[in-house]
Amino acid sequence: MNDTPTDTPPDRLSIDPRSPHYDATVLQRDVGIRFKGAEKTNVEEYCVSEGWIRVAAGKALDRYGNPLTIKLTGPVEPYFKDRKEG
């Protein structure tokens, strides 16, 4: 019987509350992202199965005040920072 939440982050996740891929309960667990083997801290959205992340493009904003993002492709490895490695 496994009553604990899964230790695998979702395939796709966004930090934007307007996105259909936003999940506040998952984000509360502090999701970390490794992209091409490097730790990324500025990821706005990711998709593991399609192999991409969206990151903010500097301090540039769109006309609605939202950060402009760029899509980078490569291997994506999400993980929960609160999970005990080992």
Protein backbone atom coordinates (compact mmCIF):
# COMPACT_ATOMS: atom_id res chain seq x y z
CA MET A 1 0.00 0.00 0.00
CA ASN A 2 1.46 3.28 -1.11
CA ASP A 3 -0.46 6.19 0.45
CA THR A 4 2.32 8.74 -0.05
CA PRO A 5 2.42 11.11 -3.02
CA THR A 6 4.50 9.93 -5.93
CA ASP A 7 8.20 10.81 -5.93
CA THR A 8 8.13 11.37 -9.68
CA PRO A 9 7.32 14.90 -10.89
CA PRO A 10 4.74 15.23 -13.68
CA ASP A 11 5.74 15.00 -17.35
CA ARG A 12 4.83 18.65 -17.89
CA LEU A 13 4.63 21.50 -15.36
CA SER A 14 4.34 25.28 -15.45
CA ILE A 15 4.79 27.92 -12.73
CA ASP A 16 2.23 30.22 -14.42
CA PRO A 17 -1.18 29.93 -12.67
CA ARG A 18 -2.96 30.67 -15.98
CA SER A 19 -1.44 27.61 -17.64
CA PRO A 20 -3.39 24.31 -17.88
CA HIS A 21 -0.15 22.60 -16.71
CA TYR A 22 0.01 24.54 -13.42
CA ASP A 23 -0.25 22.40 -10.26
CA ALA A 24 0.16 24.22 -6.94
CA THR A 25 0.42 21.03 -4.87
CA VAL A 26 3.35 19.76 -6.94
CA LEU A 27 5.09 23.15 -6.87
CA GLN A 28 4.87 23.24 -3.06
CA ARG A 29 7.25 20.27 -2.99
CA ASP A 30 10.01 22.38 -4.61
CA VAL A 31 10.70 20.85 -8.02
CA GLY A 32 14.27 21.04 -9.31
CA ILE A 33 15.26 20.80 -12.98
CA ARG A 34 18.41 19.39 -14.54
CA PHE A 35 18.70 20.39 -18.20
CA LYS A 36 21.50 18.84 -20.24
CA GLY A 37 23.08 17.79 -16.95
CA ALA A 38 23.14 21.33 -15.46
CA GLU A 39 20.94 22.61 -12.63
CA LYS A 40 18.50 25.31 -13.83
CA THR A 41 16.77 27.72 -11.45
CA ASN A 42 14.98 29.98 -13.95
CA VAL A 43 12.64 27.44 -15.62
CA GLU A 44 9.10 28.72 -16.28
CA GLU A 45 7.78 25.47 -17.80
CA TYR A 46 9.12 22.06 -18.83
CA CYS A 47 8.05 18.95 -20.73
CA VAL A 48 10.03 15.73 -20.27
CA SER A 49 8.43 13.67 -23.06
CA GLU A 50 8.98 16.41 -25.67
CA GLY A 51 12.43 17.35 -24.29
CA TRP A 52 12.19 21.12 -23.74
CA ILE A 53 12.15 23.86 -21.12
CA ARG A 54 11.03 27.49 -21.24
CA VAL A 55 13.22 30.05 -19.49
CA ALA A 56 12.85 33.79 -19.06
CA ALA A 57 14.64 35.82 -21.75
CA GLY A 58 16.47 38.26 -19.49
CA LYS A 59 14.31 41.00 -17.99
CA ALA A 60 12.23 41.49 -21.15
CA LEU A 61 8.44 41.65 -20.67
CA ASP A 62 5.56 41.35 -23.09
CA ARG A 63 2.91 44.05 -23.37
CA TYR A 64 0.93 42.45 -20.52
CA GLY A 65 3.88 42.52 -18.11
CA ASN A 66 4.65 38.79 -18.36
CA PRO A 67 8.25 37.64 -18.88
CA LEU A 68 9.22 36.73 -22.42
CA THR A 69 10.40 33.14 -22.60
CA ILE A 70 12.56 31.13 -24.95
CA LYS A 71 12.26 27.40 -25.59
CA LEU A 72 15.40 25.29 -25.22
CA THR A 73 15.49 21.66 -26.33
CA GLY A 74 17.42 18.83 -24.74
CA PRO A 75 17.18 16.18 -22.03
CA VAL A 76 15.06 17.33 -19.05
CA GLU A 77 15.31 15.69 -15.60
CA PRO A 78 12.82 17.01 -13.03
CA TYR A 79 13.14 15.92 -9.39
CA PHE A 80 11.79 16.86 -5.98
CA LYS A 81 14.38 18.67 -3.88
CA ASP A 82 12.79 17.40 -0.66
CA ARG A 83 13.28 13.76 -1.70
CA LYS A 84 16.12 12.01 0.07
CA GLU A 85 18.70 10.95 -2.51
CA GLY A 86 20.54 7.79 -1.82
